[in-house]
Amino acid sequence: MTSQATNNWDSIFDESAQVALTGGAPFSQPFSLLEQSTLLKAFYVLMAIFYVISLILFAVLQYIKFQIKKVRAREAEQFKAKEPSYLAKILLYDKKEQKASESDDFLRKLKIAFNSNDKEKIKLAILDADKKLYDKMLSLGFKGDSLGDILKTVSNSDFPRKEQAWRAHKFRNQLVHELELSQCSLQEMKDALSLFIDLLSK
């Protein structure tokens, strides 16, 4: 009696557990072979779709990267066209420094002549300074076959120190064409050279 009751309780427990776990259906194979085949096909289809989408996204990203490179290359070319290269900037800077150094050396020679009492040295310094001033006027964009030609045509507004340049240049012409060194006072020569030094210093 007791053994039979125990078996009945075990049977009831097994059926209750089966109902709780399967929603009322008895234990059976989760999926049939047909269902497994259908699920497998659906899985492969989804994988294929994801693969195609991945390829499309990869292609789009590569295209975007390619376009960005093209834009940057175009901008770099435009920048190079507008801006001189680093080497060109260095060469340009060195050229300016060289010109500045040459100008300083030239002015130093003029000042040495000015501080001397040698009329011949001062005369040569005046002649050299007149040529240098002519070159400077040409570099500033003025036109003329000589310094005198430039000073005749240039306006005071374009060259505010025109009168100073005229006085220095006229004395140079007198020194070359009219006056002997013995006729020139040392102070007159120094005054003319001083005008040239001042004109070439600024």
C-alpha atoms as a PDB file:
ATOM      1  CA  MET A   1       0.000   0.000   0.000  1.00  0.00           C
ATOM      2  CA  THR A   2       2.694   2.383   0.982  1.00  0.00           C
ATOM      3  CA  SER A   3       4.838   1.425  -2.007  1.00  0.00           C
ATOM      4  CA  GLN A   4       1.951   1.958  -4.428  1.00  0.00           C
ATOM      5  CA  ALA A   5       1.162   5.382  -2.918  1.00  0.00           C
ATOM      6  CA  THR A   6       4.771   6.393  -3.253  1.00  0.00           C
ATOM      7  CA  ASN A   7       4.804   5.388  -6.898  1.00  0.00           C
ATOM      8  CA  ASN A   8       1.596   7.343  -7.507  1.00  0.00           C
ATOM      9  CA  TRP A   9       3.118  10.476  -5.906  1.00  0.00           C
ATOM     10  CA  ASP A  10       6.271  10.084  -8.018  1.00  0.00           C
ATOM     11  CA  SER A  11       4.173   9.798 -11.142  1.00  0.00           C
ATOM     12  CA  ILE A  12       2.162  12.909 -10.265  1.00  0.00           C
ATOM     13  CA  PHE A  13       5.390  14.868  -9.513  1.00  0.00           C
ATOM     14  CA  ASP A  14       6.974  13.886 -12.840  1.00  0.00           C
ATOM     15  CA  GLU A  15       3.850  14.967 -14.765  1.00  0.00           C
ATOM     16  CA  SER A  16       3.698  18.295 -12.862  1.00  0.00           C
ATOM     17  CA  ALA A  17       7.316  19.019 -13.596  1.00  0.00           C
ATOM     18  CA  GLN A  18       6.787  18.187 -17.237  1.00  0.00           C
ATOM     19  CA  VAL A  19       3.804  20.553 -17.452  1.00  0.00           C
ATOM     20  CA  ALA A  20       5.734  23.358 -15.715  1.00  0.00           C
ATOM     21  CA  LEU A  21       8.742  23.040 -17.986  1.00  0.00           C
ATOM     22  CA  THR A  22       7.012  22.491 -21.317  1.00  0.00           C
ATOM     23  CA  GLY A  23       3.872  24.556 -20.899  1.00  0.00           C
ATOM     24  CA  GLY A  24       1.654  21.530 -20.669  1.00  0.00           C
ATOM     25  CA  ALA A  25       3.268  19.506 -23.471  1.00  0.00           C
ATOM     26  CA  PRO A  26       5.111  16.366 -22.624  1.00  0.00           C
ATOM     27  CA  PHE A  27       8.887  16.244 -23.094  1.00  0.00           C
ATOM     28  CA  SER A  28       9.798  15.832 -26.741  1.00  0.00           C
ATOM     29  CA  GLN A  29      12.534  16.742 -29.253  1.00  0.00           C
ATOM     30  CA  PRO A  30      12.848  20.614 -29.295  1.00  0.00           C
ATOM     31  CA  PHE A  31      12.801  20.920 -33.123  1.00  0.00           C
ATOM     32  CA  SER A  32      12.018  18.534 -35.908  1.00  0.00           C
ATOM     33  CA  LEU A  33      14.520  17.960 -38.710  1.00  0.00           C
ATOM     34  CA  LEU A  34      12.461  20.144 -41.026  1.00  0.00           C
ATOM     35  CA  GLU A  35      12.419  22.974 -38.509  1.00  0.00           C
ATOM     36  CA  GLN A  36      16.151  22.635 -37.935  1.00  0.00           C
ATOM     37  CA  SER A  37      16.779  22.823 -41.672  1.00  0.00           C
ATOM     38  CA  THR A  38      14.559  25.909 -41.984  1.00  0.00           C
ATOM     39  CA  LEU A  39      16.294  27.661 -39.069  1.00  0.00           C
ATOM     40  CA  LEU A  40      19.697  26.817 -40.502  1.00  0.00           C
ATOM     41  CA  LYS A  41      18.739  28.267 -43.871  1.00  0.00           C
ATOM     42  CA  ALA A  42      17.419  31.424 -42.201  1.00  0.00           C
ATOM     43  CA  PHE A  43      20.667  31.739 -40.276  1.00  0.00           C
ATOM     44  CA  TYR A  44      22.731  31.461 -43.460  1.00  0.00           C
ATOM     45  CA  VAL A  45      20.528  34.008 -45.180  1.00  0.00           C
ATOM     46  CA  LEU A  46      20.990  36.458 -42.309  1.00  0.00           C
ATOM     47  CA  MET A  47      24.738  35.868 -42.366  1.00  0.00           C
ATOM     48  CA  ALA A  48      24.805  36.541 -46.091  1.00  0.00           C
ATOM     49  CA  ILE A  49      22.820  39.759 -45.633  1.00  0.00           C
ATOM     50  CA  PHE A  50      25.162  40.946 -42.875  1.00  0.00           C
ATOM     51  CA  TYR A  51      28.158  40.085 -45.064  1.00  0.00           C
ATOM     52  CA  VAL A  52      26.782  42.074 -47.995  1.00  0.00           C
ATOM     53  CA  ILE A  53      25.989  45.035 -45.721  1.00  0.00           C
ATOM     54  CA  SER A  54      29.518  44.870 -44.297  1.00  0.00           C
ATOM     55  CA  LEU A  55      31.002  44.909 -47.793  1.00  0.00           C
ATOM     56  CA  ILE A  56      28.855  47.898 -48.745  1.00  0.00           C
ATOM     57  CA  LEU A  57      29.858  49.799 -45.592  1.00  0.00           C
ATOM     58  CA  PHE A  58      33.524  48.962 -46.190  1.00  0.00           C
ATOM     59  CA  ALA A  59      33.293  50.198 -49.769  1.00  0.00           C
ATOM     60  CA  VAL A  60      31.593  53.415 -48.654  1.00  0.00           C
ATOM     61  CA  LEU A  61      34.283  54.050 -46.029  1.00  0.00           C
ATOM     62  CA  GLN A  62      37.042  53.456 -48.559  1.00  0.00           C
ATOM     63  CA  TYR A  63      35.401  55.862 -50.996  1.00  0.00           C
ATOM     64  CA  ILE A  64      35.111  58.528 -48.301  1.00  0.00           C
ATOM     65  CA  LYS A  65      38.769  58.070 -47.354  1.00  0.00           C
ATOM     66  CA  PHE A  66      39.776  58.341 -51.008  1.00  0.00           C
ATOM     67  CA  GLN A  67      37.793  61.566 -51.453  1.00  0.00           C
ATOM     68  CA  ILE A  68      39.301  63.048 -48.290  1.00  0.00           C
ATOM     69  CA  LYS A  69      42.804  62.285 -49.598  1.00  0.00           C
ATOM     70  CA  LYS A  70      41.969  63.973 -52.904  1.00  0.00           C
ATOM     71  CA  VAL A  71      40.689  67.079 -51.142  1.00  0.00           C
ATOM     72  CA  ARG A  72      43.762  67.272 -48.910  1.00  0.00           C
ATOM     73  CA  ALA A  73      46.092  66.781 -51.880  1.00  0.00           C
ATOM     74  CA  ARG A  74      44.307  69.577 -53.762  1.00  0.00           C
ATOM     75  CA  GLU A  75      44.557  71.885 -50.744  1.00  0.00           C
ATOM     76  CA  ALA A  76      48.262  71.059 -50.382  1.00  0.00           C
ATOM     77  CA  GLU A  77      48.886  71.940 -54.038  1.00  0.00           C
ATOM     78  CA  GLN A  78      47.028  75.223 -53.652  1.00  0.00           C
ATOM     79  CA  PHE A  79      49.029  76.014 -50.504  1.00  0.00           C
ATOM     80  CA  LYS A  80      52.300  75.263 -52.277  1.00  0.00           C
ATOM     81  CA  ALA A  81      51.287  77.513 -55.157  1.00  0.00           C
ATOM     82  CA  LYS A  82      50.563  80.403 -52.783  1.00  0.00           C
ATOM     83  CA  GLU A  83      53.358  79.955 -50.271  1.00  0.00           C
ATOM     84  CA  PRO A  84      57.057  79.657 -51.103  1.00  0.00           C
ATOM     85  CA  SER A  85      58.734  76.472 -49.975  1.00  0.00           C
ATOM     86  CA  TYR A  86      60.665  76.355 -46.731  1.00  0.00           C
ATOM     87  CA  LEU A  87      63.933  76.216 -48.679  1.00  0.00           C
ATOM     88  CA  ALA A  88      62.856  79.203 -50.793  1.00  0.00           C
ATOM     89  CA  LYS A  89      62.085  81.148 -47.631  1.00  0.00           C
ATOM     90  CA  ILE A  90      65.531  80.335 -46.241  1.00  0.00           C
ATOM     91  CA  LEU A  91      67.226  81.406 -49.482  1.00  0.00           C
ATOM     92  CA  LEU A  92      65.173  84.604 -49.581  1.00  0.00           C
ATOM     93  CA  TYR A  93      66.064  85.350 -45.967  1.00  0.00           C
ATOM     94  CA  ASP A  94      69.749  84.663 -46.630  1.00  0.00           C
ATOM     95  CA  LYS A  95      69.641  86.961 -49.658  1.00  0.00           C
ATOM     96  CA  LYS A  96      68.133  89.767 -47.598  1.00  0.00           C
ATOM     97  CA  GLU A  97      70.702  89.207 -44.878  1.00  0.00           C
ATOM     98  CA  GLN A  98      73.482  89.301 -47.453  1.00  0.00           C
ATOM     99  CA  LYS A  99      72.175  92.567 -48.912  1.00  0.00           C
ATOM    100  CA  ALA A 100      71.888  94.068 -45.439  1.00  0.00           C
ATOM    101  CA  SER A 101      75.430  92.980 -44.639  1.00  0.00           C
ATOM    102  CA  GLU A 102      76.760  94.450 -47.889  1.00  0.00           C
ATOM    103  CA  SER A 103      74.918  97.703 -47.211  1.00  0.00           C
ATOM    104  CA  ASP A 104      76.380  97.880 -43.703  1.00  0.00           C
ATOM    105  CA  ASP A 105      79.891  97.292 -45.084  1.00  0.00           C
ATOM    106  CA  PHE A 106      79.400 100.009 -47.691  1.00  0.00           C
ATOM    107  CA  LEU A 107      78.164 102.518 -45.124  1.00  0.00           C
ATOM    108  CA  ARG A 108      81.080 101.627 -42.877  1.00  0.00           C
ATOM    109  CA  LYS A 109      83.515 102.486 -45.688  1.00  0.00           C
ATOM    110  CA  LEU A 110      81.746 105.808 -46.288  1.00  0.00           C
ATOM    111  CA  LYS A 111      81.994 106.669 -42.604  1.00  0.00           C
ATOM    112  CA  ILE A 112      85.685 105.803 -42.535  1.00  0.00           C
ATOM    113  CA  ALA A 113      86.232 108.179 -45.450  1.00  0.00           C
ATOM    114  CA  PHE A 114      84.116 110.830 -43.726  1.00  0.00           C
ATOM    115  CA  ASN A 115      86.222 110.626 -40.567  1.00  0.00           C
ATOM    116  CA  SER A 116      89.418 111.058 -42.516  1.00  0.00           C
ATOM    117  CA  ASN A 117      90.902 114.339 -43.714  1.00  0.00           C
ATOM    118  CA  ASP A 118      91.897 112.862 -47.058  1.00  0.00           C
ATOM    119  CA  LYS A 119      90.038 114.734 -49.815  1.00  0.00           C
ATOM    120  CA  GLU A 120      90.806 112.063 -52.407  1.00  0.00           C
ATOM    121  CA  LYS A 121      89.225 109.367 -50.223  1.00  0.00           C
ATOM    122  CA  ILE A 122      86.192 111.536 -49.593  1.00  0.00           C
ATOM    123  CA  LYS A 123      85.843 112.278 -53.319  1.00  0.00           C
ATOM    124  CA  LEU A 124      85.887 108.558 -54.186  1.00  0.00           C
ATOM    125  CA  ALA A 125      83.396 107.893 -51.400  1.00  0.00           C
ATOM    126  CA  ILE A 126      81.049 110.573 -52.819  1.00  0.00           C
ATOM    127  CA  LEU A 127      81.244 109.049 -56.309  1.00  0.00           C
ATOM    128  CA  ASP A 128      80.545 105.557 -54.966  1.00  0.00           C
ATOM    129  CA  ALA A 129      77.704 106.840 -52.796  1.00  0.00           C
ATOM    130  CA  ASP A 130      76.078 108.567 -55.798  1.00  0.00           C
ATOM    131  CA  LYS A 131      76.101 105.277 -57.738  1.00  0.00           C
ATOM    132  CA  LYS A 132      74.727 103.410 -54.739  1.00  0.00           C
ATOM    133  CA  LEU A 133      71.904 105.912 -54.316  1.00  0.00           C
ATOM    134  CA  TYR A 134      71.013 105.497 -58.005  1.00  0.00           C
ATOM    135  CA  ASP A 135      70.829 101.718 -57.570  1.00  0.00           C
ATOM    136  CA  LYS A 136      68.653 102.174 -54.501  1.00  0.00           C
ATOM    137  CA  MET A 137      66.247 104.438 -56.401  1.00  0.00           C
ATOM    138  CA  LEU A 138      65.975 101.846 -59.170  1.00  0.00           C
ATOM    139  CA  SER A 139      65.216  99.135 -56.623  1.00  0.00           C
ATOM    140  CA  LEU A 140      62.411 101.305 -55.267  1.00  0.00           C
ATOM    141  CA  GLY A 141      60.797 101.346 -58.707  1.00  0.00           C
ATOM    142  CA  PHE A 142      61.901 104.750 -60.006  1.00  0.00           C
ATOM    143  CA  LYS A 143      62.926 105.003 -63.673  1.00  0.00           C
ATOM    144  CA  GLY A 144      65.769 106.969 -65.248  1.00  0.00           C
ATOM    145  CA  ASP A 145      69.118 106.643 -66.994  1.00  0.00           C
ATOM    146  CA  SER A 146      70.885 108.412 -64.141  1.00  0.00           C
ATOM    147  CA  LEU A 147      70.227 109.656 -60.641  1.00  0.00           C
ATOM    148  CA  GLY A 148      69.726 113.139 -62.058  1.00  0.00           C
ATOM    149  CA  ASP A 149      67.054 111.875 -64.489  1.00  0.00           C
ATOM    150  CA  ILE A 150      65.174 110.225 -61.659  1.00  0.00           C
ATOM    151  CA  LEU A 151      65.322 113.293 -59.422  1.00  0.00           C
ATOM    152  CA  LYS A 152      64.026 115.485 -62.251  1.00  0.00           C
ATOM    153  CA  THR A 153      60.860 113.427 -62.692  1.00  0.00           C
ATOM    154  CA  VAL A 154      60.121 112.154 -59.181  1.00  0.00           C
ATOM    155  CA  SER A 155      57.684 114.143 -57.042  1.00  0.00           C
ATOM    156  CA  ASN A 156      58.261 115.244 -53.469  1.00  0.00           C
ATOM    157  CA  SER A 157      55.307 113.127 -52.364  1.00  0.00           C
ATOM    158  CA  ASP A 158      56.863 110.002 -53.909  1.00  0.00           C
ATOM    159  CA  PHE A 159      60.325 110.816 -52.582  1.00  0.00           C
ATOM    160  CA  PRO A 160      60.136 113.260 -49.639  1.00  0.00           C
ATOM    161  CA  ARG A 161      63.941 113.516 -49.422  1.00  0.00           C
ATOM    162  CA  LYS A 162      64.274 114.722 -52.978  1.00  0.00           C
ATOM    163  CA  GLU A 163      65.894 118.078 -52.062  1.00  0.00           C
ATOM    164  CA  GLN A 164      68.493 116.387 -49.904  1.00  0.00           C
ATOM    165  CA  ALA A 165      69.339 113.996 -52.742  1.00  0.00           C
ATOM    166  CA  TRP A 166      69.539 116.889 -55.204  1.00  0.00           C
ATOM    167  CA  ARG A 167      72.062 118.792 -53.059  1.00  0.00           C
ATOM    168  CA  ALA A 168      74.283 115.732 -52.718  1.00  0.00           C
ATOM    169  CA  HIS A 169      74.072 114.841 -56.414  1.00  0.00           C
ATOM    170  CA  LYS A 170      74.721 118.418 -57.616  1.00  0.00           C
ATOM    171  CA  PHE A 171      77.858 118.612 -55.477  1.00  0.00           C
ATOM    172  CA  ARG A 172      78.989 115.300 -56.944  1.00  0.00           C
ATOM    173  CA  ASN A 173      78.546 116.718 -60.476  1.00  0.00           C
ATOM    174  CA  GLN A 174      80.490 119.860 -59.565  1.00  0.00           C
ATOM    175  CA  LEU A 175      83.234 117.721 -58.086  1.00  0.00           C
ATOM    176  CA  VAL A 176      83.502 115.688 -61.287  1.00  0.00           C
ATOM    177  CA  HIS A 177      82.971 118.329 -63.971  1.00  0.00           C
ATOM    178  CA  GLU A 178      83.763 121.738 -62.495  1.00  0.00           C
ATOM    179  CA  LEU A 179      85.812 121.855 -59.328  1.00  0.00           C
ATOM    180  CA  GLU A 180      89.321 120.772 -58.542  1.00  0.00           C
ATOM    181  CA  LEU A 181      90.024 119.238 -55.153  1.00  0.00           C
ATOM    182  CA  SER A 182      91.991 122.318 -54.252  1.00  0.00           C
ATOM    183  CA  GLN A 183      88.881 124.419 -54.853  1.00  0.00           C
ATOM    184  CA  CYS A 184      86.733 122.326 -52.499  1.00  0.00           C
ATOM    185  CA  SER A 185      86.857 122.804 -48.792  1.00  0.00           C
ATOM    186  CA  LEU A 186      87.086 119.712 -46.635  1.00  0.00           C
ATOM    187  CA  GLN A 187      83.894 120.700 -44.832  1.00  0.00           C
ATOM    188  CA  GLU A 188      81.912 121.031 -48.079  1.00  0.00           C
ATOM    189  CA  MET A 189      82.983 117.552 -49.128  1.00  0.00           C
ATOM    190  CA  LYS A 190      82.133 116.124 -45.735  1.00  0.00           C
ATOM    191  CA  ASP A 191      78.739 117.808 -45.818  1.00  0.00           C
ATOM    192  CA  ALA A 192      77.954 116.225 -49.194  1.00  0.00           C
ATOM    193  CA  LEU A 193      79.162 112.816 -48.061  1.00  0.00           C
ATOM    194  CA  SER A 194      77.094 113.164 -44.897  1.00  0.00           C
ATOM    195  CA  LEU A 195      73.976 113.700 -47.049  1.00  0.00           C
ATOM    196  CA  PHE A 196      74.695 110.503 -48.988  1.00  0.00           C
ATOM    197  CA  ILE A 197      75.305 108.536 -45.797  1.00  0.00           C
ATOM    198  CA  ASP A 198      72.018 109.741 -44.380  1.00  0.00           C
ATOM    199  CA  LEU A 199      70.124 108.925 -47.613  1.00  0.00           C
ATOM    200  CA  LEU A 200      71.583 105.434 -47.821  1.00  0.00           C
ATOM    201  CA  SER A 201      71.021 104.649 -44.154  1.00  0.00           C
ATOM    202  CA  LYS A 202      67.215 104.895 -44.338  1.00  0.00           C
END
